[in-house]
Amino acid sequence: MALRVKSVYSPINSRRDGLRILATRFRGRGMTTDRYDVWMPSLGPSEKLLRAFLSGTISWAEFTRAFR
């Protein structure tokens, strides 16, 4: 069994996708619950870290280092 990463906005293939886990703090505006099976916000980056990256305060390298 392999773990695959896929965008929540990618087309759903119910035969191949298996359990779809949304791993982000915020679901996003307009995100319907049929796009994923389980939402696990604790797997996503903290709000503070996410906002720092989105505002450009930290680089992608700094973001990934801090997230890990």
C-alpha atoms as a PDB file:
ATOM      1  CA  MET A   1       0.000   0.000   0.000  1.00  0.00           C
ATOM      2  CA  ALA A   2       1.421   3.357  -1.008  1.00  0.00           C
ATOM      3  CA  LEU A   3       0.772   6.826   0.292  1.00  0.00           C
ATOM      4  CA  ARG A   4       0.029   9.291  -2.483  1.00  0.00           C
ATOM      5  CA  VAL A   5      -0.208  13.056  -2.242  1.00  0.00           C
ATOM      6  CA  LYS A   6      -2.781  14.820  -4.357  1.00  0.00           C
ATOM      7  CA  SER A   7      -4.358  18.257  -4.488  1.00  0.00           C
ATOM      8  CA  VAL A   8      -7.840  18.413  -3.020  1.00  0.00           C
ATOM      9  CA  TYR A   9      -8.834  20.249  -6.199  1.00  0.00           C
ATOM     10  CA  SER A  10      -7.678  17.405  -8.482  1.00  0.00           C
ATOM     11  CA  PRO A  11     -10.379  15.256 -10.077  1.00  0.00           C
ATOM     12  CA  ILE A  12     -11.661  12.529  -7.774  1.00  0.00           C
ATOM     13  CA  ASN A  13     -11.045   8.957  -8.894  1.00  0.00           C
ATOM     14  CA  SER A  14     -13.022   6.861  -6.402  1.00  0.00           C
ATOM     15  CA  ARG A  15     -11.495   3.584  -7.674  1.00  0.00           C
ATOM     16  CA  ARG A  16      -7.866   4.712  -7.164  1.00  0.00           C
ATOM     17  CA  ASP A  17      -7.895   7.440  -4.503  1.00  0.00           C
ATOM     18  CA  GLY A  18      -8.719   5.406  -1.422  1.00  0.00           C
ATOM     19  CA  LEU A  19      -9.147   7.416   1.791  1.00  0.00           C
ATOM     20  CA  ARG A  20      -8.807  11.136   1.044  1.00  0.00           C
ATOM     21  CA  ILE A  21      -7.412  13.076   4.025  1.00  0.00           C
ATOM     22  CA  LEU A  22      -7.431  16.879   4.030  1.00  0.00           C
ATOM     23  CA  ALA A  23      -4.371  17.902   6.062  1.00  0.00           C
ATOM     24  CA  THR A  24      -4.605  21.667   6.455  1.00  0.00           C
ATOM     25  CA  ARG A  25      -5.590  24.060   9.248  1.00  0.00           C
ATOM     26  CA  PHE A  26      -8.266  25.791   7.199  1.00  0.00           C
ATOM     27  CA  ARG A  27     -10.721  24.090   4.879  1.00  0.00           C
ATOM     28  CA  GLY A  28     -10.873  27.047   2.553  1.00  0.00           C
ATOM     29  CA  ARG A  29     -13.784  29.080   1.342  1.00  0.00           C
ATOM     30  CA  GLY A  30     -16.265  27.050  -0.663  1.00  0.00           C
ATOM     31  CA  MET A  31     -14.556  23.723   0.074  1.00  0.00           C
ATOM     32  CA  THR A  32     -17.297  21.116   0.031  1.00  0.00           C
ATOM     33  CA  THR A  33     -17.009  18.046   2.227  1.00  0.00           C
ATOM     34  CA  ASP A  34     -17.382  15.700  -0.734  1.00  0.00           C
ATOM     35  CA  ARG A  35     -13.798  16.599  -1.798  1.00  0.00           C
ATOM     36  CA  TYR A  36     -12.291  14.628   1.126  1.00  0.00           C
ATOM     37  CA  ASP A  37     -13.220  11.843   3.556  1.00  0.00           C
ATOM     38  CA  VAL A  38     -11.495  13.061   6.730  1.00  0.00           C
ATOM     39  CA  TRP A  39     -10.293  16.520   7.750  1.00  0.00           C
ATOM     40  CA  MET A  40      -7.265  16.510  10.079  1.00  0.00           C
ATOM     41  CA  PRO A  41      -6.342  20.144  10.783  1.00  0.00           C
ATOM     42  CA  SER A  42      -3.658  19.170  13.314  1.00  0.00           C
ATOM     43  CA  LEU A  43      -1.550  17.709  10.464  1.00  0.00           C
ATOM     44  CA  GLY A  44      -1.213  21.105   8.779  1.00  0.00           C
ATOM     45  CA  PRO A  45       1.215  23.907   9.653  1.00  0.00           C
ATOM     46  CA  SER A  46       0.354  26.267  12.498  1.00  0.00           C
ATOM     47  CA  GLU A  47      -1.613  29.389  11.689  1.00  0.00           C
ATOM     48  CA  LYS A  48       1.375  31.573  12.600  1.00  0.00           C
ATOM     49  CA  LEU A  49       3.742  29.637  10.320  1.00  0.00           C
ATOM     50  CA  LEU A  50       1.281  29.573   7.436  1.00  0.00           C
ATOM     51  CA  ARG A  51       0.615  33.314   7.664  1.00  0.00           C
ATOM     52  CA  ALA A  52       4.364  34.050   7.768  1.00  0.00           C
ATOM     53  CA  PHE A  53       4.886  32.125   4.526  1.00  0.00           C
ATOM     54  CA  LEU A  54       1.832  33.546   2.762  1.00  0.00           C
ATOM     55  CA  SER A  55       2.842  37.110   3.656  1.00  0.00           C
ATOM     56  CA  GLY A  56       6.364  36.563   2.307  1.00  0.00           C
ATOM     57  CA  THR A  57       8.004  37.020   5.704  1.00  0.00           C
ATOM     58  CA  ILE A  58       9.756  33.644   5.385  1.00  0.00           C
ATOM     59  CA  SER A  59      10.950  31.673   2.349  1.00  0.00           C
ATOM     60  CA  TRP A  60       9.760  28.236   1.235  1.00  0.00           C
ATOM     61  CA  ALA A  61      12.995  26.723   2.613  1.00  0.00           C
ATOM     62  CA  GLU A  62      12.383  28.340   6.018  1.00  0.00           C
ATOM     63  CA  PHE A  63       8.761  27.248   5.934  1.00  0.00           C
ATOM     64  CA  THR A  64       9.588  23.598   5.233  1.00  0.00           C
ATOM     65  CA  ARG A  65      12.341  23.546   7.855  1.00  0.00           C
ATOM     66  CA  ALA A  66      10.029  25.001  10.517  1.00  0.00           C
ATOM     67  CA  PHE A  67       7.115  22.753   9.541  1.00  0.00           C
ATOM     68  CA  ARG A  68       9.199  19.603   9.858  1.00  0.00           C
END
